[in-house]
């Protein structure tokens, strides 16, 4: 039986491959447009809850892409992509604790998932 974490990890790999139908010179990379589509469709709630105050979503996605694209080849490989997801998850997790302090929390001292 597959655990929730194993399913989540497998889902991340599958989503990455779904969107990495790349026109980059190398296989298995995400172009900026693919990255943008992926985040908007597959992680929209996380985008909205982690969007820095006063920043437009398009600028936020551009910033995430540029910070992730360490080798500046304008495509993200899987490691760059997963690192970005981890940063989004960390930010959303930290914000869940902030929600508790504001009286919105439930259960184990935090709000589950982006709200």
N, C-alpha and C. Protein backbone atom coordinates (compact mmCIF):
# COMPACT_ATOMS: atom_id res chain seq x y z
N UNK A 1 0.83 -1.18 0.00
CA UNK A 1 0.00 0.00 0.00
C UNK A 1 0.88 1.25 0.00
N UNK A 2 0.55 2.17 -0.86
CA UNK A 2 1.32 3.41 -0.99
C UNK A 2 0.91 4.39 0.10
N UNK A 3 1.91 4.95 0.77
CA UNK A 3 1.63 5.94 1.81
C UNK A 3 1.25 7.29 1.17
N UNK A 4 0.69 8.19 1.97
CA UNK A 4 0.32 9.52 1.48
C UNK A 4 1.55 10.26 0.96
N UNK A 5 2.67 10.13 1.68
CA UNK A 5 3.89 10.82 1.26
C UNK A 5 4.42 10.24 -0.04
N UNK A 6 4.41 8.91 -0.17
CA UNK A 6 4.87 8.30 -1.41
C UNK A 6 3.99 8.73 -2.58
N UNK A 7 2.68 8.80 -2.37
CA UNK A 7 1.77 9.26 -3.41
C UNK A 7 2.07 10.70 -3.78
N UNK A 8 2.30 11.55 -2.77
CA UNK A 8 2.59 12.96 -3.03
C UNK A 8 3.88 13.11 -3.84
N UNK A 9 4.91 12.36 -3.48
CA UNK A 9 6.18 12.43 -4.22
C UNK A 9 6.00 11.94 -5.66
N UNK A 10 5.27 10.85 -5.83
CA UNK A 10 5.01 10.35 -7.17
C UNK A 10 4.19 11.36 -7.98
N UNK A 11 3.22 11.99 -7.35
CA UNK A 11 2.41 13.00 -8.03
C UNK A 11 3.26 14.18 -8.50
N UNK A 12 4.23 14.60 -7.68
CA UNK A 12 5.11 15.70 -8.08
C UNK A 12 5.88 15.32 -9.35
N UNK A 13 6.39 14.10 -9.39
CA UNK A 13 7.14 13.64 -10.57
C UNK A 13 6.22 13.60 -11.79
N UNK A 14 5.01 13.07 -11.62
CA UNK A 14 4.07 12.97 -12.74
C UNK A 14 3.65 14.35 -13.26
N UNK A 15 3.39 15.29 -12.35
CA UNK A 15 3.01 16.64 -12.77
C UNK A 15 4.17 17.30 -13.51
N UNK A 16 5.37 17.14 -13.00
CA UNK A 16 6.54 17.70 -13.68
C UNK A 16 6.64 17.17 -15.12
N UNK A 17 6.51 15.87 -15.27
CA UNK A 17 6.61 15.28 -16.61
C UNK A 17 5.47 15.71 -17.52
N UNK A 18 4.29 15.90 -16.94
CA UNK A 18 3.15 16.35 -17.73
C UNK A 18 3.42 17.71 -18.38
N UNK A 19 4.11 18.59 -17.67
CA UNK A 19 4.34 19.95 -18.17
C UNK A 19 5.70 20.13 -18.84
N UNK A 20 6.59 19.19 -18.72
CA UNK A 20 7.94 19.37 -19.27
C UNK A 20 8.06 18.85 -20.70
N UNK A 21 7.04 19.05 -21.47
CA UNK A 21 7.08 18.74 -22.90
C UNK A 21 7.80 19.90 -23.56
N UNK A 22 9.06 19.96 -23.29
CA UNK A 22 9.85 21.15 -23.51
C UNK A 22 10.36 21.34 -24.93
N UNK A 23 10.49 22.60 -25.25
CA UNK A 23 11.15 22.98 -26.49
C UNK A 23 12.60 23.36 -26.21
N UNK A 24 13.03 23.16 -24.96
CA UNK A 24 14.43 23.43 -24.62
C UNK A 24 15.32 22.46 -25.39
N UNK A 25 16.56 22.83 -25.50
CA UNK A 25 17.48 21.99 -26.25
C UNK A 25 17.72 20.65 -25.55
N UNK A 26 17.47 20.61 -24.25
CA UNK A 26 17.64 19.36 -23.51
C UNK A 26 16.27 18.82 -23.11
N UNK A 27 16.16 17.50 -23.03
CA UNK A 27 14.89 16.88 -22.64
C UNK A 27 14.65 17.03 -21.15
N UNK A 28 13.39 16.90 -20.79
CA UNK A 28 12.97 16.84 -19.39
C UNK A 28 13.26 18.13 -18.62
N UNK A 29 12.99 19.26 -19.23
CA UNK A 29 13.13 20.56 -18.60
C UNK A 29 11.80 21.31 -18.72
N UNK A 30 11.58 22.25 -17.83
CA UNK A 30 10.42 23.14 -17.91
C UNK A 30 10.85 24.49 -18.44
N UNK A 31 10.21 24.95 -19.47
CA UNK A 31 10.40 26.32 -19.93
C UNK A 31 9.61 27.23 -19.00
N UNK A 32 9.87 28.51 -19.07
CA UNK A 32 9.17 29.46 -18.22
C UNK A 32 7.66 29.39 -18.41
N UNK A 33 7.19 29.32 -19.64
CA UNK A 33 5.75 29.23 -19.88
C UNK A 33 5.16 27.95 -19.30
N UNK A 34 5.89 26.86 -19.41
CA UNK A 34 5.42 25.59 -18.84
C UNK A 34 5.37 25.67 -17.31
N UNK A 35 6.38 26.29 -16.72
CA UNK A 35 6.44 26.50 -15.28
C UNK A 35 5.25 27.34 -14.81
N UNK A 36 4.99 28.40 -15.55
CA UNK A 36 3.87 29.29 -15.22
C UNK A 36 2.54 28.54 -15.29
N UNK A 37 2.32 27.79 -16.37
CA UNK A 37 1.08 27.02 -16.52
C UNK A 37 0.94 25.99 -15.41
N UNK A 38 2.03 25.31 -15.11
CA UNK A 38 2.01 24.30 -14.05
C UNK A 38 1.59 24.92 -12.72
N UNK A 39 2.23 26.00 -12.33
CA UNK A 39 1.91 26.63 -11.04
C UNK A 39 0.48 27.14 -11.00
N UNK A 40 0.05 27.77 -12.08
CA UNK A 40 -1.30 28.34 -12.10
C UNK A 40 -2.38 27.25 -12.06
N UNK A 41 -2.11 26.12 -12.70
CA UNK A 41 -3.12 25.05 -12.74
C UNK A 41 -3.00 24.10 -11.57
N UNK A 42 -1.80 23.74 -11.19
CA UNK A 42 -1.59 22.67 -10.21
C UNK A 42 -1.31 23.18 -8.79
N UNK A 43 -0.97 24.45 -8.64
CA UNK A 43 -0.62 24.98 -7.31
C UNK A 43 -1.18 26.38 -7.10
N UNK A 44 -2.31 26.66 -7.69
CA UNK A 44 -2.88 28.00 -7.65
C UNK A 44 -3.14 28.49 -6.22
N UNK A 45 -3.67 27.64 -5.35
CA UNK A 45 -3.93 28.04 -3.97
C UNK A 45 -2.64 28.39 -3.24
N UNK A 46 -1.58 27.61 -3.50
CA UNK A 46 -0.30 27.91 -2.87
C UNK A 46 0.27 29.22 -3.40
N UNK A 47 0.10 29.49 -4.68
CA UNK A 47 0.54 30.77 -5.24
C UNK A 47 -0.15 31.92 -4.54
N UNK A 48 -1.47 31.81 -4.42
CA UNK A 48 -2.25 32.89 -3.83
C UNK A 48 -1.90 33.11 -2.37
N UNK A 49 -1.70 32.05 -1.61
CA UNK A 49 -1.44 32.23 -0.18
C UNK A 49 0.00 32.64 0.11
N UNK A 50 0.91 32.44 -0.84
CA UNK A 50 2.31 32.83 -0.61
C UNK A 50 2.70 34.10 -1.36
N UNK A 51 1.77 34.64 -2.13
CA UNK A 51 2.04 35.85 -2.91
C UNK A 51 2.44 36.99 -1.98
N UNK A 52 3.62 37.55 -2.14
CA UNK A 52 4.04 38.66 -1.29
C UNK A 52 3.11 39.86 -1.44
N UNK A 53 2.85 40.52 -0.33
CA UNK A 53 1.97 41.67 -0.32
C UNK A 53 2.43 42.71 -1.35
N UNK A 54 1.49 43.17 -2.16
CA UNK A 54 1.78 44.21 -3.14
C UNK A 54 2.41 43.73 -4.43
N UNK A 55 2.65 42.44 -4.56
CA UNK A 55 3.29 41.90 -5.77
C UNK A 55 2.21 41.26 -6.67
N UNK A 56 2.34 41.49 -7.95
CA UNK A 56 1.45 40.85 -8.92
C UNK A 56 1.85 39.39 -9.09
N UNK A 57 0.87 38.54 -9.37
CA UNK A 57 1.14 37.11 -9.52
C UNK A 57 2.16 36.84 -10.63
N UNK A 58 2.04 37.52 -11.75
CA UNK A 58 2.97 37.31 -12.87
C UNK A 58 4.40 37.64 -12.44
N UNK A 59 4.57 38.71 -11.68
CA UNK A 59 5.90 39.09 -11.19
C UNK A 59 6.43 38.07 -10.19
N UNK A 60 5.52 37.54 -9.37
CA UNK A 60 5.90 36.52 -8.38
C UNK A 60 6.40 35.26 -9.08
N UNK A 61 5.67 34.82 -10.09
CA UNK A 61 6.07 33.62 -10.84
C UNK A 61 7.41 33.86 -11.53
N UNK A 62 7.59 35.04 -12.11
CA UNK A 62 8.87 35.38 -12.74
C UNK A 62 10.00 35.34 -11.73
N UNK A 63 9.75 35.88 -10.54
CA UNK A 63 10.76 35.89 -9.48
C UNK A 63 11.10 34.46 -9.05
N UNK A 64 10.07 33.63 -8.86
CA UNK A 64 10.31 32.23 -8.50
C UNK A 64 11.15 31.53 -9.57
N UNK A 65 10.81 31.78 -10.83
CA UNK A 65 11.55 31.15 -11.93
C UNK A 65 13.01 31.60 -11.94
N UNK A 66 13.23 32.88 -11.85
CA UNK A 66 14.60 33.41 -11.91
C UNK A 66 15.45 32.92 -10.74
N UNK A 67 14.86 32.85 -9.56
CA UNK A 67 15.60 32.34 -8.40
C UNK A 67 15.91 30.86 -8.55
N UNK A 68 15.00 30.11 -9.16
CA UNK A 68 15.20 28.67 -9.33
C UNK A 68 16.20 28.35 -10.44
N UNK A 69 16.25 29.17 -11.46
CA UNK A 69 17.06 28.92 -12.65
C UNK A 69 18.53 29.26 -12.40
N UNK A 70 19.16 28.44 -11.57
CA UNK A 70 20.54 28.69 -11.11
C UNK A 70 21.55 28.77 -12.26
N UNK A 71 21.39 27.95 -13.27
CA UNK A 71 22.36 27.94 -14.37
C UNK A 71 22.00 28.91 -15.49
N UNK A 72 20.90 29.66 -15.31
CA UNK A 72 20.47 30.72 -16.22
C UNK A 72 20.28 30.25 -17.66
N UNK A 73 19.79 29.01 -17.82
CA UNK A 73 19.54 28.49 -19.16
C UNK A 73 18.10 28.69 -19.61
N UNK A 74 17.32 29.40 -18.81
CA UNK A 74 15.91 29.71 -19.10
C UNK A 74 15.01 28.48 -19.14
N UNK A 75 15.48 27.39 -18.56
CA UNK A 75 14.69 26.18 -18.37
C UNK A 75 15.01 25.64 -16.98
N UNK A 76 14.00 25.02 -16.35
CA UNK A 76 14.23 24.43 -15.04
C UNK A 76 14.34 22.92 -15.15
N UNK A 77 15.39 22.36 -14.56
CA UNK A 77 15.45 20.91 -14.47
C UNK A 77 14.72 20.49 -13.20
N UNK A 78 14.54 19.22 -13.01
CA UNK A 78 13.71 18.71 -11.92
C UNK A 78 14.17 19.20 -10.55
N UNK A 79 15.46 19.21 -10.30
CA UNK A 79 15.98 19.65 -9.00
C UNK A 79 15.62 21.11 -8.74
N UNK A 80 15.75 21.96 -9.75
CA UNK A 80 15.38 23.37 -9.58
C UNK A 80 13.88 23.51 -9.30
N UNK A 81 13.09 22.71 -9.99
CA UNK A 81 11.64 22.72 -9.80
C UNK A 81 11.25 22.28 -8.40
N UNK A 82 11.79 21.16 -7.94
CA UNK A 82 11.45 20.63 -6.62
C UNK A 82 11.90 21.59 -5.51
N UNK A 83 13.03 22.22 -5.70
CA UNK A 83 13.50 23.20 -4.72
C UNK A 83 12.51 24.36 -4.61
N UNK A 84 11.97 24.79 -5.72
CA UNK A 84 10.96 25.86 -5.72
C UNK A 84 9.69 25.40 -5.01
N UNK A 85 9.25 24.18 -5.28
CA UNK A 85 8.07 23.64 -4.59
C UNK A 85 8.30 23.58 -3.09
N UNK A 86 9.49 23.17 -2.70
CA UNK A 86 9.80 23.10 -1.27
C UNK A 86 9.71 24.49 -0.63
N UNK A 87 10.20 25.50 -1.31
CA UNK A 87 10.13 26.87 -0.78
C UNK A 87 8.68 27.33 -0.66
N UNK A 88 7.84 27.00 -1.65
CA UNK A 88 6.41 27.34 -1.57
C UNK A 88 5.76 26.63 -0.39
N UNK A 89 6.08 25.36 -0.21
CA UNK A 89 5.50 24.59 0.88
C UNK A 89 5.94 25.13 2.24
N UNK A 90 7.20 25.48 2.36
CA UNK A 90 7.71 26.05 3.61
C UNK A 90 7.00 27.36 3.92
N UNK A 91 6.87 28.20 2.92
CA UNK A 91 6.20 29.49 3.12
C UNK A 91 4.74 29.29 3.51
N UNK A 92 4.04 28.38 2.83
CA UNK A 92 2.64 28.09 3.15
C UNK A 92 2.52 27.52 4.56
N UNK A 93 3.45 26.66 4.94
CA UNK A 93 3.45 26.09 6.29
C UNK A 93 3.64 27.19 7.33
N UNK A 94 4.60 28.06 7.11
CA UNK A 94 4.82 29.16 8.05
C UNK A 94 3.60 30.06 8.16
N UNK A 95 2.95 30.29 7.04
CA UNK A 95 1.74 31.12 7.06
C UNK A 95 0.60 30.41 7.80
N UNK A 96 0.57 29.09 7.78
CA UNK A 96 -0.48 28.36 8.49
C UNK A 96 -0.36 28.61 9.99
N UNK A 97 0.86 28.78 10.48
CA UNK A 97 1.05 29.08 11.90
C UNK A 97 0.64 30.52 12.20
N UNK A 98 0.84 31.40 11.27
CA UNK A 98 0.41 32.79 11.43
C UNK A 98 -1.11 32.85 11.53
N UNK A 99 -1.80 32.04 10.73
CA UNK A 99 -3.26 32.01 10.76
C UNK A 99 -3.76 31.58 12.14
N UNK A 100 -3.05 30.66 12.79
CA UNK A 100 -3.44 30.21 14.12
C UNK A 100 -3.36 31.37 15.11
N UNK A 101 -2.30 32.14 15.00
CA UNK A 101 -2.14 33.29 15.89
C UNK A 101 -3.25 34.31 15.70
N UNK A 102 -3.85 34.30 14.51
CA UNK A 102 -4.94 35.22 14.22
C UNK A 102 -6.29 34.59 14.50
N UNK A 103 -6.30 33.40 15.11
CA UNK A 103 -7.54 32.76 15.50
C UNK A 103 -8.23 31.94 14.43
N UNK A 104 -7.55 31.64 13.33
CA UNK A 104 -8.16 30.88 12.24
C UNK A 104 -7.80 29.40 12.29
N UNK A 105 -6.91 29.02 13.20
CA UNK A 105 -6.38 27.66 13.21
C UNK A 105 -7.37 26.61 13.65
N UNK A 106 -6.98 25.40 13.39
CA UNK A 106 -7.80 24.26 13.77
C UNK A 106 -6.88 23.09 14.07
N UNK A 107 -7.37 22.16 14.79
CA UNK A 107 -6.63 20.91 14.98
C UNK A 107 -5.33 21.06 15.71
N UNK A 108 -4.24 20.76 15.07
CA UNK A 108 -2.93 20.63 15.69
C UNK A 108 -2.16 21.94 15.71
N UNK A 109 -2.80 23.04 15.91
CA UNK A 109 -2.10 24.30 16.04
C UNK A 109 -1.75 24.97 14.74
N UNK A 110 -2.40 24.57 13.66
CA UNK A 110 -2.17 25.26 12.40
C UNK A 110 -3.31 24.93 11.42
N UNK A 111 -3.40 25.74 10.40
CA UNK A 111 -4.39 25.53 9.34
C UNK A 111 -3.75 24.61 8.31
N UNK A 112 -4.45 23.60 7.88
CA UNK A 112 -3.90 22.65 6.90
C UNK A 112 -4.10 23.18 5.49
N UNK A 113 -2.99 23.25 4.76
CA UNK A 113 -3.05 23.67 3.35
C UNK A 113 -3.23 25.16 3.20
N UNK A 114 -3.09 25.64 1.99
CA UNK A 114 -3.25 27.07 1.73
C UNK A 114 -4.71 27.48 1.82
N UNK A 115 -4.95 28.67 2.33
CA UNK A 115 -6.32 29.20 2.42
C UNK A 115 -6.38 30.61 1.90
